[in-house]
């Protein structure tokens, strides 16, 4: 079963100010562990939510495009993994490791 493990950052998150070499090392080690375990399908870091473009379909079929994220919240997804694991418990354990490595809240969610 595949799971999304999403890292959440506050809107004012500045990776240059908040991420140090130790954190980068911990994330690299986690990625290597995921690869060695054969669970990592995909990993990606995202640019700041302000760089997003939100698209919406109106009632008349027209699609509008707006600058910024669709959801107006104080936090956003800053990066994520897609993992292929045997159980939810295993996904949650990888999420726990992600919380420690990334020093940020994590959401673990299954795909359909």
C-alpha atoms as a PDB file:
ATOM      1  CA  UNK A   1       0.000   0.000   0.000  1.00  0.00           C
ATOM      2  CA  UNK A   2       1.240   3.497  -0.760  1.00  0.00           C
ATOM      3  CA  UNK A   3       1.277   6.393   1.695  1.00  0.00           C
ATOM      4  CA  UNK A   4       2.027  10.073   1.489  1.00  0.00           C
ATOM      5  CA  UNK A   5       4.305  11.363   4.247  1.00  0.00           C
ATOM      6  CA  UNK A   6       4.006  15.160   4.075  1.00  0.00           C
ATOM      7  CA  UNK A   7       6.172  17.656   5.979  1.00  0.00           C
ATOM      8  CA  UNK A   8       4.397  20.829   7.126  1.00  0.00           C
ATOM      9  CA  UNK A   9       6.081  24.212   7.499  1.00  0.00           C
ATOM     10  CA  UNK A  10       4.748  27.528   8.780  1.00  0.00           C
ATOM     11  CA  UNK A  11       4.046  30.089   6.065  1.00  0.00           C
ATOM     12  CA  UNK A  12       7.071  32.159   7.064  1.00  0.00           C
ATOM     13  CA  UNK A  13       9.453  29.161   6.915  1.00  0.00           C
ATOM     14  CA  UNK A  14      12.880  30.100   5.574  1.00  0.00           C
ATOM     15  CA  UNK A  15      14.947  27.013   4.774  1.00  0.00           C
ATOM     16  CA  UNK A  16      18.152  29.059   4.581  1.00  0.00           C
ATOM     17  CA  UNK A  17      17.675  30.314   8.127  1.00  0.00           C
ATOM     18  CA  UNK A  18      16.132  27.226   9.723  1.00  0.00           C
ATOM     19  CA  UNK A  19      17.921  24.274   8.125  1.00  0.00           C
ATOM     20  CA  UNK A  20      21.468  23.520   9.175  1.00  0.00           C
ATOM     21  CA  UNK A  21      24.000  20.886   8.124  1.00  0.00           C
ATOM     22  CA  UNK A  22      22.893  18.526  10.900  1.00  0.00           C
ATOM     23  CA  UNK A  23      19.299  18.609   9.661  1.00  0.00           C
ATOM     24  CA  UNK A  24      20.361  18.016   6.056  1.00  0.00           C
ATOM     25  CA  UNK A  25      22.487  15.102   7.226  1.00  0.00           C
ATOM     26  CA  UNK A  26      19.574  13.585   9.179  1.00  0.00           C
ATOM     27  CA  UNK A  27      17.282  13.878   6.138  1.00  0.00           C
ATOM     28  CA  UNK A  28      19.941  12.307   3.887  1.00  0.00           C
ATOM     29  CA  UNK A  29      20.304   9.405   6.335  1.00  0.00           C
ATOM     30  CA  UNK A  30      16.519   8.938   6.407  1.00  0.00           C
ATOM     31  CA  UNK A  31      16.366   8.918   2.601  1.00  0.00           C
ATOM     32  CA  UNK A  32      19.173   6.360   2.445  1.00  0.00           C
ATOM     33  CA  UNK A  33      17.355   4.211   5.005  1.00  0.00           C
ATOM     34  CA  UNK A  34      14.133   4.377   2.960  1.00  0.00           C
ATOM     35  CA  UNK A  35      15.967   3.402  -0.220  1.00  0.00           C
ATOM     36  CA  UNK A  36      17.769   0.531   1.541  1.00  0.00           C
ATOM     37  CA  UNK A  37      14.427  -0.718   2.894  1.00  0.00           C
ATOM     38  CA  UNK A  38      12.922  -0.530  -0.605  1.00  0.00           C
ATOM     39  CA  UNK A  39       9.992   1.642   0.499  1.00  0.00           C
ATOM     40  CA  UNK A  40      10.723   4.997  -1.143  1.00  0.00           C
ATOM     41  CA  UNK A  41       8.781   5.532  -4.370  1.00  0.00           C
ATOM     42  CA  UNK A  42       9.301   9.283  -4.714  1.00  0.00           C
ATOM     43  CA  UNK A  43      10.548  12.219  -2.661  1.00  0.00           C
ATOM     44  CA  UNK A  44      10.293  15.929  -3.336  1.00  0.00           C
ATOM     45  CA  UNK A  45      10.810  19.248  -1.663  1.00  0.00           C
ATOM     46  CA  UNK A  46       8.488  22.087  -2.596  1.00  0.00           C
ATOM     47  CA  UNK A  47       9.201  25.770  -3.038  1.00  0.00           C
ATOM     48  CA  UNK A  48       7.345  28.249  -0.860  1.00  0.00           C
ATOM     49  CA  UNK A  49       3.550  28.178  -1.117  1.00  0.00           C
ATOM     50  CA  UNK A  50       3.560  31.759  -2.421  1.00  0.00           C
ATOM     51  CA  UNK A  51       5.008  30.365  -5.671  1.00  0.00           C
ATOM     52  CA  UNK A  52       1.990  28.111  -6.213  1.00  0.00           C
ATOM     53  CA  UNK A  53      -0.653  28.778  -8.834  1.00  0.00           C
ATOM     54  CA  UNK A  54      -4.221  27.782  -8.000  1.00  0.00           C
ATOM     55  CA  UNK A  55      -6.604  26.783 -10.739  1.00  0.00           C
ATOM     56  CA  UNK A  56     -10.362  26.538 -10.352  1.00  0.00           C
ATOM     57  CA  UNK A  57     -13.199  25.715 -12.716  1.00  0.00           C
ATOM     58  CA  UNK A  58     -16.117  28.140 -12.645  1.00  0.00           C
ATOM     59  CA  UNK A  59     -19.729  27.185 -13.275  1.00  0.00           C
ATOM     60  CA  UNK A  60     -19.484  28.258 -16.917  1.00  0.00           C
ATOM     61  CA  UNK A  61     -16.502  25.947 -17.495  1.00  0.00           C
ATOM     62  CA  UNK A  62     -13.921  28.726 -17.516  1.00  0.00           C
ATOM     63  CA  UNK A  63     -10.764  27.991 -15.540  1.00  0.00           C
ATOM     64  CA  UNK A  64      -9.352  30.781 -13.417  1.00  0.00           C
ATOM     65  CA  UNK A  65      -5.733  30.975 -12.311  1.00  0.00           C
ATOM     66  CA  UNK A  66      -4.675  32.800  -9.157  1.00  0.00           C
ATOM     67  CA  UNK A  67      -1.237  33.376  -7.665  1.00  0.00           C
ATOM     68  CA  UNK A  68      -0.566  31.624  -4.376  1.00  0.00           C
ATOM     69  CA  UNK A  69      -1.877  28.508  -2.689  1.00  0.00           C
ATOM     70  CA  UNK A  70      -5.480  27.381  -2.963  1.00  0.00           C
ATOM     71  CA  UNK A  71      -5.876  27.020   0.797  1.00  0.00           C
ATOM     72  CA  UNK A  72      -5.219  30.138   2.830  1.00  0.00           C
ATOM     73  CA  UNK A  73      -3.635  28.710   5.971  1.00  0.00           C
ATOM     74  CA  UNK A  74      -0.727  29.497   8.258  1.00  0.00           C
ATOM     75  CA  UNK A  75       1.091  26.272   7.257  1.00  0.00           C
ATOM     76  CA  UNK A  76       1.748  24.460   4.014  1.00  0.00           C
ATOM     77  CA  UNK A  77       3.319  21.256   2.689  1.00  0.00           C
ATOM     78  CA  UNK A  78       7.027  21.872   2.302  1.00  0.00           C
ATOM     79  CA  UNK A  79       8.038  18.437   1.068  1.00  0.00           C
ATOM     80  CA  UNK A  80       6.885  14.853   0.929  1.00  0.00           C
ATOM     81  CA  UNK A  81       7.661  11.208   0.357  1.00  0.00           C
ATOM     82  CA  UNK A  82       5.551   8.590  -1.358  1.00  0.00           C
ATOM     83  CA  UNK A  83       6.230   5.262   0.340  1.00  0.00           C
ATOM     84  CA  UNK A  84       5.196   1.736  -0.577  1.00  0.00           C
ATOM     85  CA  UNK A  85       4.895  -0.164   2.705  1.00  0.00           C
ATOM     86  CA  UNK A  86       3.128  -3.218   4.093  1.00  0.00           C
ATOM     87  CA  UNK A  87       0.963  -1.482   6.686  1.00  0.00           C
ATOM     88  CA  UNK A  88      -0.230   1.778   8.173  1.00  0.00           C
ATOM     89  CA  UNK A  89       1.906   1.075  11.228  1.00  0.00           C
ATOM     90  CA  UNK A  90       4.997   0.928   9.027  1.00  0.00           C
ATOM     91  CA  UNK A  91       4.026   4.197   7.311  1.00  0.00           C
ATOM     92  CA  UNK A  92       3.511   5.872  10.683  1.00  0.00           C
ATOM     93  CA  UNK A  93       6.927   4.644  11.839  1.00  0.00           C
ATOM     94  CA  UNK A  94       8.540   6.248   8.773  1.00  0.00           C
ATOM     95  CA  UNK A  95       6.527   9.387   9.561  1.00  0.00           C
ATOM     96  CA  UNK A  96       7.935   9.367  13.106  1.00  0.00           C
ATOM     97  CA  UNK A  97      11.449   9.222  11.673  1.00  0.00           C
ATOM     98  CA  UNK A  98      10.572  12.102   9.321  1.00  0.00           C
ATOM     99  CA  UNK A  99       9.395  14.258  12.249  1.00  0.00           C
ATOM    100  CA  UNK A 100      12.750  13.728  13.932  1.00  0.00           C
ATOM    101  CA  UNK A 101      14.876  14.302  10.809  1.00  0.00           C
ATOM    102  CA  UNK A 102      12.918  17.298   9.492  1.00  0.00           C
ATOM    103  CA  UNK A 103      12.153  18.850  12.880  1.00  0.00           C
ATOM    104  CA  UNK A 104       8.631  19.569  11.649  1.00  0.00           C
ATOM    105  CA  UNK A 105       5.098  18.163  11.865  1.00  0.00           C
ATOM    106  CA  UNK A 106       4.266  15.321   9.490  1.00  0.00           C
ATOM    107  CA  UNK A 107       1.027  13.967   8.063  1.00  0.00           C
ATOM    108  CA  UNK A 108       0.773  10.326   6.974  1.00  0.00           C
ATOM    109  CA  UNK A 109      -2.076   9.572   4.575  1.00  0.00           C
ATOM    110  CA  UNK A 110      -2.886   6.472   2.481  1.00  0.00           C
ATOM    111  CA  UNK A 111      -3.582   6.589  -1.238  1.00  0.00           C
ATOM    112  CA  UNK A 112      -6.759   4.955  -2.570  1.00  0.00           C
END
